[in-house]
Amino acid sequence: MLGIFYLLGVFFLYAMLLVMPEMIQALKTIPPGPEQQEAVTNMLQANMRPRLGIALVAAIATVLGGAVKGWLPGLRPQT
């Protein structure tokens, strides 16, 4: 059960890190207002879909590696 929380947290972190540069660029270039909110929402939808798979694979690899190495509390191998 704890592994699911680790997986969700790491997945969210990787997903945000993958779209953060585009989101910051859009916020800097588009003037504030309703147009900015709509443009950022459209940009996030367009850029997030292709990167979800990358974030998911990276999150699974990170949690699996952390569990095998014993770095994640609650997922340490039983000795």
Foldseek 3Di string as FASTA:
>chain_A
DVLVVQLVVQLVVLLCVQCVVVLVVLPVPDDDDPVSVVVSVVSSVVRRVVCSVVSNVVSVVVSVVCLDVVNDPPSHDDD
